[in-house]
Full PDB file with SEQRES, HELIX, SHEET, SSBOND, CRYST1, ORIGX, SCALE, CONECT and MASTER records, all heavy atoms in Angstrom:
SEQRES   1 A   31  HIS SER VAL ILE VAL GLY LEU TYR GLU PRO ARG THR GLY          
SEQRES   2 A   31  LYS ARG LEU PRO LEU GLN ASP ASN ASP PHE LEU LEU LEU          
SEQRES   3 A   31  GLY ALA ILE ASP VAL                                          
SHEET    1 AA1 2 SER A   2  VAL A   5  0                                        
SHEET    2 AA1 2 LEU A  24  ALA A  28 -1                                        
CRYST1    1.000    1.000    1.000  90.00  90.00  90.00 P 1           1          
ORIGX1      1.000000  0.000000  0.000000        0.00000                         
ORIGX2      0.000000  1.000000  0.000000        0.00000                         
ORIGX3      0.000000  0.000000  1.000000        0.00000                         
SCALE1      1.000000  0.000000  0.000000        0.00000                         
SCALE2      0.000000  1.000000  0.000000        0.00000                         
SCALE3      0.000000  0.000000  1.000000        0.00000                         
ATOM      1  N   HIS A   1       9.030   5.873   2.024  1.00  0.00           N  
ATOM      2  CA  HIS A   1       7.762   5.778   2.748  1.00  0.00           C  
ATOM      3  C   HIS A   1       6.812   6.686   2.132  1.00  0.00           C  
ATOM      4  O   HIS A   1       7.156   7.652   1.492  1.00  0.00           O  
ATOM      5  CB  HIS A   1       8.073   6.198   4.238  1.00  0.00           C  
ATOM      6  CG  HIS A   1       8.895   5.342   5.129  1.00  0.00           C  
ATOM      7  ND1 HIS A   1      10.234   5.164   4.888  1.00  0.00           N  
ATOM      8  CD2 HIS A   1       8.518   4.440   6.126  1.00  0.00           C  
ATOM      9  CE1 HIS A   1      10.555   4.223   5.753  1.00  0.00           C  
ATOM     10  NE2 HIS A   1       9.684   3.827   6.478  1.00  0.00           N  
ATOM     11  N   SER A   2       5.466   6.402   2.294  1.00  0.00           N  
ATOM     12  CA  SER A   2       4.325   7.168   1.764  1.00  0.00           C  
ATOM     13  C   SER A   2       3.598   7.735   2.853  1.00  0.00           C  
ATOM     14  O   SER A   2       3.427   7.160   3.948  1.00  0.00           O  
ATOM     15  CB  SER A   2       3.487   6.311   0.872  1.00  0.00           C  
ATOM     16  OG  SER A   2       4.253   5.818  -0.186  1.00  0.00           O  
ATOM     17  N   VAL A   3       3.082   8.887   2.644  1.00  0.00           N  
ATOM     18  CA  VAL A   3       2.163   9.578   3.594  1.00  0.00           C  
ATOM     19  C   VAL A   3       0.757   9.700   2.859  1.00  0.00           C  
ATOM     20  O   VAL A   3       0.639  10.215   1.752  1.00  0.00           O  
ATOM     21  CB  VAL A   3       2.617  11.069   3.974  1.00  0.00           C  
ATOM     22  CG1 VAL A   3       1.666  11.635   4.914  1.00  0.00           C  
ATOM     23  CG2 VAL A   3       4.010  10.935   4.602  1.00  0.00           C  
ATOM     24  N   ILE A   4      -0.216   9.139   3.523  1.00  0.00           N  
ATOM     25  CA  ILE A   4      -1.632   9.193   2.928  1.00  0.00           C  
ATOM     26  C   ILE A   4      -2.559   9.751   3.973  1.00  0.00           C  
ATOM     27  O   ILE A   4      -2.226   9.774   5.194  1.00  0.00           O  
ATOM     28  CB  ILE A   4      -2.103   7.740   2.603  1.00  0.00           C  
ATOM     29  CG1 ILE A   4      -2.238   6.799   3.813  1.00  0.00           C  
ATOM     30  CG2 ILE A   4      -1.272   7.139   1.542  1.00  0.00           C  
ATOM     31  CD1 ILE A   4      -2.972   5.540   3.608  1.00  0.00           C  
ATOM     32  N   VAL A   5      -3.744  10.284   3.413  1.00  0.00           N  
ATOM     33  CA  VAL A   5      -4.684  10.963   4.313  1.00  0.00           C  
ATOM     34  C   VAL A   5      -6.107  10.464   3.765  1.00  0.00           C  
ATOM     35  O   VAL A   5      -6.219  10.245   2.611  1.00  0.00           O  
ATOM     36  CB  VAL A   5      -4.502  12.447   4.301  1.00  0.00           C  
ATOM     37  CG1 VAL A   5      -4.832  13.074   2.902  1.00  0.00           C  
ATOM     38  CG2 VAL A   5      -5.386  13.049   5.326  1.00  0.00           C  
ATOM     39  N   GLY A   6      -7.082  10.542   4.660  1.00  0.00           N  
ATOM     40  CA  GLY A   6      -8.380  10.216   4.196  1.00  0.00           C  
ATOM     41  C   GLY A   6      -9.423  10.476   5.401  1.00  0.00           C  
ATOM     42  O   GLY A   6      -9.021  10.965   6.433  1.00  0.00           O  
ATOM     43  N   LEU A   7     -10.655  10.155   5.139  1.00  0.00           N  
ATOM     44  CA  LEU A   7     -11.698  10.413   6.098  1.00  0.00           C  
ATOM     45  C   LEU A   7     -12.428   9.098   6.314  1.00  0.00           C  
ATOM     46  O   LEU A   7     -12.574   8.370   5.432  1.00  0.00           O  
ATOM     47  CB  LEU A   7     -12.699  11.393   5.591  1.00  0.00           C  
ATOM     48  CG  LEU A   7     -12.146  12.892   5.458  1.00  0.00           C  
ATOM     49  CD1 LEU A   7     -13.040  13.669   4.552  1.00  0.00           C  
ATOM     50  CD2 LEU A   7     -11.948  13.528   6.761  1.00  0.00           C  
ATOM     51  N   TYR A   8     -12.908   8.895   7.577  1.00  0.00           N  
ATOM     52  CA  TYR A   8     -13.783   7.669   7.800  1.00  0.00           C  
ATOM     53  C   TYR A   8     -14.905   8.014   8.800  1.00  0.00           C  
ATOM     54  O   TYR A   8     -14.799   8.958   9.623  1.00  0.00           O  
ATOM     55  CB  TYR A   8     -12.843   6.557   8.209  1.00  0.00           C  
ATOM     56  CG  TYR A   8     -12.198   6.666   9.588  1.00  0.00           C  
ATOM     57  CD1 TYR A   8     -12.866   6.271  10.772  1.00  0.00           C  
ATOM     58  CD2 TYR A   8     -11.049   7.249   9.797  1.00  0.00           C  
ATOM     59  CE1 TYR A   8     -12.299   6.399  12.086  1.00  0.00           C  
ATOM     60  CE2 TYR A   8     -10.426   7.371  11.019  1.00  0.00           C  
ATOM     61  CZ  TYR A   8     -11.025   6.928  12.040  1.00  0.00           C  
ATOM     62  OH  TYR A   8     -10.499   7.105  13.426  1.00  0.00           O  
ATOM     63  N   GLU A   9     -15.857   7.115   8.740  1.00  0.00           N  
ATOM     64  CA  GLU A   9     -16.957   7.220   9.734  1.00  0.00           C  
ATOM     65  C   GLU A   9     -16.546   6.592  10.962  1.00  0.00           C  
ATOM     66  O   GLU A   9     -16.240   5.326  11.023  1.00  0.00           O  
ATOM     67  CB  GLU A   9     -18.203   6.574   9.036  1.00  0.00           C  
ATOM     68  CG  GLU A   9     -19.264   6.126  10.056  1.00  0.00           C  
ATOM     69  CD  GLU A   9     -19.794   7.260  10.853  1.00  0.00           C  
ATOM     70  OE1 GLU A   9     -20.239   8.318  10.227  1.00  0.00           O  
ATOM     71  OE2 GLU A   9     -19.857   7.152  12.073  1.00  0.00           O  
ATOM     72  N   PRO A  10     -16.435   7.253  11.999  1.00  0.00           N  
ATOM     73  CA  PRO A  10     -15.885   6.735  13.345  1.00  0.00           C  
ATOM     74  C   PRO A  10     -16.830   5.540  13.902  1.00  0.00           C  
ATOM     75  O   PRO A  10     -16.151   4.699  14.526  1.00  0.00           O  
ATOM     76  CB  PRO A  10     -15.835   7.865  14.326  1.00  0.00           C  
ATOM     77  CG  PRO A  10     -16.699   8.952  13.761  1.00  0.00           C  
ATOM     78  CD  PRO A  10     -16.806   8.730  12.277  1.00  0.00           C  
ATOM     79  N   ARG A  11     -18.047   5.532  13.724  1.00  0.00           N  
ATOM     80  CA  ARG A  11     -18.872   4.373  14.263  1.00  0.00           C  
ATOM     81  C   ARG A  11     -18.561   3.138  13.462  1.00  0.00           C  
ATOM     82  O   ARG A  11     -18.511   1.997  14.214  1.00  0.00           O  
ATOM     83  CB  ARG A  11     -20.330   4.641  14.185  1.00  0.00           C  
ATOM     84  CG  ARG A  11     -20.813   5.696  15.227  1.00  0.00           C  
ATOM     85  CD  ARG A  11     -22.336   5.849  15.195  1.00  0.00           C  
ATOM     86  NE  ARG A  11     -22.804   6.444  13.921  1.00  0.00           N  
ATOM     87  CZ  ARG A  11     -23.503   5.677  13.093  1.00  0.00           C  
ATOM     88  NH1 ARG A  11     -23.814   4.422  13.272  1.00  0.00           N  
ATOM     89  NH2 ARG A  11     -23.889   6.232  11.894  1.00  0.00           N  
ATOM     90  N   THR A  12     -18.334   3.125  12.253  1.00  0.00           N  
ATOM     91  CA  THR A  12     -18.095   1.891  11.490  1.00  0.00           C  
ATOM     92  C   THR A  12     -16.704   1.720  10.978  1.00  0.00           C  
ATOM     93  O   THR A  12     -16.358   0.536  10.623  1.00  0.00           O  
ATOM     94  CB  THR A  12     -19.122   2.034  10.096  1.00  0.00           C  
ATOM     95  OG1 THR A  12     -18.626   3.086   9.298  1.00  0.00           O  
ATOM     96  CG2 THR A  12     -20.498   2.112  10.495  1.00  0.00           C  
ATOM     97  N   GLY A  13     -15.853   2.745  10.944  1.00  0.00           N  
ATOM     98  CA  GLY A  13     -14.628   2.545  10.410  1.00  0.00           C  
ATOM     99  C   GLY A  13     -14.428   2.638   8.911  1.00  0.00           C  
ATOM    100  O   GLY A  13     -13.440   2.479   8.316  1.00  0.00           O  
ATOM    101  N   LYS A  14     -15.672   2.842   8.267  1.00  0.00           N  
ATOM    102  CA  LYS A  14     -15.712   2.818   6.773  1.00  0.00           C  
ATOM    103  C   LYS A  14     -15.225   4.147   6.364  1.00  0.00           C  
ATOM    104  O   LYS A  14     -15.486   5.247   6.646  1.00  0.00           O  
ATOM    105  CB  LYS A  14     -17.178   2.646   6.335  1.00  0.00           C  
ATOM    106  CG  LYS A  14     -17.262   2.663   4.730  1.00  0.00           C  
ATOM    107  CD  LYS A  14     -18.600   2.375   4.289  1.00  0.00           C  
ATOM    108  CE  LYS A  14     -18.527   2.412   2.827  1.00  0.00           C  
ATOM    109  NZ  LYS A  14     -19.640   1.816   2.041  1.00  0.00           N  
ATOM    110  N   ARG A  15     -14.116   3.915   5.316  1.00  0.00           N  
ATOM    111  CA  ARG A  15     -13.533   5.214   4.774  1.00  0.00           C  
ATOM    112  C   ARG A  15     -14.394   5.762   3.613  1.00  0.00           C  
ATOM    113  O   ARG A  15     -15.100   5.081   2.946  1.00  0.00           O  
ATOM    114  CB  ARG A  15     -12.149   4.791   4.144  1.00  0.00           C  
ATOM    115  CG  ARG A  15     -11.194   4.456   5.188  1.00  0.00           C  
ATOM    116  CD  ARG A  15      -9.831   4.125   4.570  1.00  0.00           C  
ATOM    117  NE  ARG A  15      -8.786   3.761   5.453  1.00  0.00           N  
ATOM    118  CZ  ARG A  15      -7.447   3.531   5.123  1.00  0.00           C  
ATOM    119  NH1 ARG A  15      -7.108   3.563   3.904  1.00  0.00           N  
ATOM    120  NH2 ARG A  15      -6.700   3.214   6.075  1.00  0.00           N  
ATOM    121  N   LEU A  16     -14.281   7.092   3.515  1.00  0.00           N  
ATOM    122  CA  LEU A  16     -14.846   7.780   2.440  1.00  0.00           C  
ATOM    123  C   LEU A  16     -14.204   7.571   1.180  1.00  0.00           C  
ATOM    124  O   LEU A  16     -12.971   7.586   0.996  1.00  0.00           O  
ATOM    125  CB  LEU A  16     -14.794   9.270   2.655  1.00  0.00           C  
ATOM    126  CG  LEU A  16     -15.586  10.233   1.842  1.00  0.00           C  
ATOM    127  CD1 LEU A  16     -17.110  10.103   2.057  1.00  0.00           C  
ATOM    128  CD2 LEU A  16     -15.147  11.590   2.096  1.00  0.00           C  
ATOM    129  N   PRO A  17     -14.869   7.036   0.037  1.00  0.00           N  
ATOM    130  CA  PRO A  17     -14.200   6.810  -1.231  1.00  0.00           C  
ATOM    131  C   PRO A  17     -13.778   8.048  -1.862  1.00  0.00           C  
ATOM    132  O   PRO A  17     -14.384   9.141  -1.831  1.00  0.00           O  
ATOM    133  CB  PRO A  17     -15.333   6.149  -2.036  1.00  0.00           C  
ATOM    134  CG  PRO A  17     -16.544   6.510  -1.459  1.00  0.00           C  
ATOM    135  CD  PRO A  17     -16.338   6.903   0.018  1.00  0.00           C  
ATOM    136  N   LEU A  18     -12.541   7.967  -2.553  1.00  0.00           N  
ATOM    137  CA  LEU A  18     -11.958   9.125  -3.261  1.00  0.00           C  
ATOM    138  C   LEU A  18     -11.433   8.603  -4.675  1.00  0.00           C  
ATOM    139  O   LEU A  18     -10.471   7.822  -4.579  1.00  0.00           O  
ATOM    140  CB  LEU A  18     -10.765   9.625  -2.436  1.00  0.00           C  
ATOM    141  CG  LEU A  18     -11.043  10.281  -1.120  1.00  0.00           C  
ATOM    142  CD1 LEU A  18      -9.803  10.576  -0.388  1.00  0.00           C  
ATOM    143  CD2 LEU A  18     -11.758  11.627  -1.366  1.00  0.00           C  
ATOM    144  N   GLN A  19     -12.050   8.947  -5.661  1.00  0.00           N  
ATOM    145  CA  GLN A  19     -11.634   8.484  -6.947  1.00  0.00           C  
ATOM    146  C   GLN A  19     -11.548   7.087  -6.994  1.00  0.00           C  
ATOM    147  O   GLN A  19     -12.487   6.272  -6.917  1.00  0.00           O  
ATOM    148  CB  GLN A  19     -10.502   9.216  -7.452  1.00  0.00           C  
ATOM    149  CG  GLN A  19     -10.739  10.775  -7.625  1.00  0.00           C  
ATOM    150  CD  GLN A  19      -9.457  11.526  -8.058  1.00  0.00           C  
ATOM    151  OE1 GLN A  19      -8.265  10.984  -8.225  1.00  0.00           O  
ATOM    152  NE2 GLN A  19      -9.588  12.775  -8.251  1.00  0.00           N  
ATOM    153  N   ASP A  20     -10.287   6.588  -7.239  1.00  0.00           N  
ATOM    154  CA  ASP A  20     -10.127   5.147  -7.291  1.00  0.00           C  
ATOM    155  C   ASP A  20      -9.633   4.484  -6.048  1.00  0.00           C  
ATOM    156  O   ASP A  20      -9.220   3.288  -6.099  1.00  0.00           O  
ATOM    157  CB  ASP A  20      -8.884   4.829  -8.369  1.00  0.00           C  
ATOM    158  CG  ASP A  20      -9.303   5.301  -9.743  1.00  0.00           C  
ATOM    159  OD1 ASP A  20     -10.584   5.358 -10.101  1.00  0.00           O  
ATOM    160  OD2 ASP A  20      -8.510   5.615 -10.594  1.00  0.00           O  
ATOM    161  N   ASN A  21      -9.754   5.124  -4.933  1.00  0.00           N  
ATOM    162  CA  ASN A  21      -9.225   4.574  -3.682  1.00  0.00           C  
ATOM    163  C   ASN A  21     -10.048   5.189  -2.557  1.00  0.00           C  
ATOM    164  O   ASN A  21     -10.967   5.820  -2.688  1.00  0.00           O  
ATOM    165  CB  ASN A  21      -7.665   4.893  -3.582  1.00  0.00           C  
ATOM    166  CG  ASN A  21      -6.960   3.720  -2.923  1.00  0.00           C  
ATOM    167  OD1 ASN A  21      -7.359   3.065  -2.066  1.00  0.00           O  
ATOM    168  ND2 ASN A  21      -5.782   3.593  -3.404  1.00  0.00           N  
ATOM    169  N   ASP A  22      -9.478   4.851  -1.248  1.00  0.00           N  
ATOM    170  CA  ASP A  22     -10.233   5.360  -0.106  1.00  0.00           C  
ATOM    171  C   ASP A  22      -9.191   6.177   0.627  1.00  0.00           C  
ATOM    172  O   ASP A  22      -9.435   6.343   1.896  1.00  0.00           O  
ATOM    173  CB  ASP A  22     -10.919   4.306   0.791  1.00  0.00           C  
ATOM    174  CG  ASP A  22      -9.807   3.226   1.223  1.00  0.00           C  
ATOM    175  OD1 ASP A  22      -8.694   3.404   1.047  1.00  0.00           O  
ATOM    176  OD2 ASP A  22     -10.358   2.273   1.835  1.00  0.00           O  
ATOM    177  N   PHE A  23      -8.179   6.825   0.026  1.00  0.00           N  
ATOM    178  CA  PHE A  23      -7.243   7.699   0.641  1.00  0.00           C  
ATOM    179  C   PHE A  23      -6.653   8.486  -0.444  1.00  0.00           C  
ATOM    180  O   PHE A  23      -6.774   8.172  -1.610  1.00  0.00           O  
ATOM    181  CB  PHE A  23      -6.232   6.883   1.465  1.00  0.00           C  
ATOM    182  CG  PHE A  23      -5.285   5.992   0.588  1.00  0.00           C  
ATOM    183  CD1 PHE A  23      -4.219   6.531  -0.134  1.00  0.00           C  
ATOM    184  CD2 PHE A  23      -5.573   4.616   0.408  1.00  0.00           C  
ATOM    185  CE1 PHE A  23      -3.454   5.786  -0.981  1.00  0.00           C  
ATOM    186  CE2 PHE A  23      -4.851   3.819  -0.377  1.00  0.00           C  
ATOM    187  CZ  PHE A  23      -3.778   4.339  -1.052  1.00  0.00           C  
ATOM    188  N   LEU A  24      -5.987   9.570  -0.055  1.00  0.00           N  
ATOM    189  CA  LEU A  24      -5.227  10.469  -0.890  1.00  0.00           C  
ATOM    190  C   LEU A  24      -3.745  10.350  -0.602  1.00  0.00           C  
ATOM    191  O   LEU A  24      -3.310  10.510   0.575  1.00  0.00           O  
ATOM    192  CB  LEU A  24      -5.646  11.864  -0.768  1.00  0.00           C  
ATOM    193  CG  LEU A  24      -4.973  12.917  -1.566  1.00  0.00           C  
ATOM    194  CD1 LEU A  24      -5.259  12.727  -3.043  1.00  0.00           C  
ATOM    195  CD2 LEU A  24      -5.459  14.364  -1.140  1.00  0.00           C  
ATOM    196  N   LEU A  25      -2.872  10.117  -1.613  1.00  0.00           N  
ATOM    197  CA  LEU A  25      -1.429  10.021  -1.382  1.00  0.00           C  
ATOM    198  C   LEU A  25      -0.907  11.448  -1.341  1.00  0.00           C  
ATOM    199  O   LEU A  25      -1.086  12.298  -2.323  1.00  0.00           O  
ATOM    200  CB  LEU A  25      -0.818   9.251  -2.520  1.00  0.00           C  
ATOM    201  CG  LEU A  25       0.751   9.286  -2.620  1.00  0.00           C  
ATOM    202  CD1 LEU A  25       1.269   8.453  -1.254  1.00  0.00           C  
ATOM    203  CD2 LEU A  25       1.268   8.575  -3.746  1.00  0.00           C  
ATOM    204  N   LEU A  26      -0.327  11.867  -0.175  1.00  0.00           N  
ATOM    205  CA  LEU A  26       0.169  13.100  -0.078  1.00  0.00           C  
ATOM    206  C   LEU A  26       1.517  13.331  -0.584  1.00  0.00           C  
ATOM    207  O   LEU A  26       1.929  14.358  -1.061  1.00  0.00           O  
ATOM    208  CB  LEU A  26       0.190  13.649   1.387  1.00  0.00           C  
ATOM    209  CG  LEU A  26      -1.205  13.810   2.100  1.00  0.00           C  
ATOM    210  CD1 LEU A  26      -1.076  14.253   3.599  1.00  0.00           C  
ATOM    211  CD2 LEU A  26      -1.963  14.917   1.370  1.00  0.00           C  
ATOM    212  N   GLY A  27       2.252  12.289  -0.526  1.00  0.00           N  
ATOM    213  CA  GLY A  27       3.601  12.244  -1.050  1.00  0.00           C  
ATOM    214  C   GLY A  27       4.487  11.125  -0.532  1.00  0.00           C  
ATOM    215  O   GLY A  27       4.016  10.286   0.291  1.00  0.00           O  
ATOM    216  N   ALA A  28       5.730  11.265  -0.922  1.00  0.00           N  
ATOM    217  CA  ALA A  28       6.682  10.123  -0.392  1.00  0.00           C  
ATOM    218  C   ALA A  28       7.816  10.927   0.203  1.00  0.00           C  
ATOM    219  O   ALA A  28       8.169  12.069  -0.067  1.00  0.00           O  
ATOM    220  CB  ALA A  28       7.210   9.428  -1.691  1.00  0.00           C  
ATOM    221  N   ILE A  29       8.337  10.114   1.182  1.00  0.00           N  
ATOM    222  CA  ILE A  29       9.542  10.765   1.945  1.00  0.00           C  
ATOM    223  C   ILE A  29      10.598   9.609   1.901  1.00  0.00           C  
ATOM    224  O   ILE A  29      10.262   8.385   1.924  1.00  0.00           O  
ATOM    225  CB  ILE A  29       9.188  11.139   3.336  1.00  0.00           C  
ATOM    226  CG1 ILE A  29       8.678  10.029   4.174  1.00  0.00           C  
ATOM    227  CG2 ILE A  29       8.354  12.367   3.361  1.00  0.00           C  
ATOM    228  CD1 ILE A  29       8.641  10.368   5.607  1.00  0.00           C  
ATOM    229  N   ASP A  30      11.786  10.077   1.874  1.00  0.00           N  
ATOM    230  CA  ASP A  30      12.977   9.092   1.920  1.00  0.00           C  
ATOM    231  C   ASP A  30      13.696   9.206   3.371  1.00  0.00           C  
ATOM    232  O   ASP A  30      14.240  10.240   3.609  1.00  0.00           O  
ATOM    233  CB  ASP A  30      13.868   9.315   0.728  1.00  0.00           C  
ATOM    234  CG  ASP A  30      15.014   8.135   0.632  1.00  0.00           C  
ATOM    235  OD1 ASP A  30      14.664   7.017   0.947  1.00  0.00           O  
ATOM    236  OD2 ASP A  30      16.083   8.460   0.147  1.00  0.00           O  
ATOM    237  N   VAL A  31      13.557   8.131   4.033  1.00  0.00           N  
ATOM    238  CA  VAL A  31      14.183   8.033   5.424  1.00  0.00           C  
ATOM    239  C   VAL A  31      15.591   7.726   5.344  1.00  0.00           C  
ATOM    240  O   VAL A  31      15.929   6.709   4.726  1.00  0.00           O  
ATOM    241  CB  VAL A  31      13.365   7.175   6.380  1.00  0.00           C  
ATOM    242  CG1 VAL A  31      14.130   7.160   7.774  1.00  0.00           C  
ATOM    243  CG2 VAL A  31      11.908   7.615   6.544  1.00  0.00           C  
TER     244      VAL A  31                                                      
MASTER        0    0    0    0    2    0    0    6  243    1    0    3          
END                                                                             
């Protein structure tokens, strides 16, 4: 599984762009 984080405008739901995506991959976990 992957854990991601990001920011968005609550009125529109539009995510803040980050480099090549609209989220940051924090890491992976193995369940």
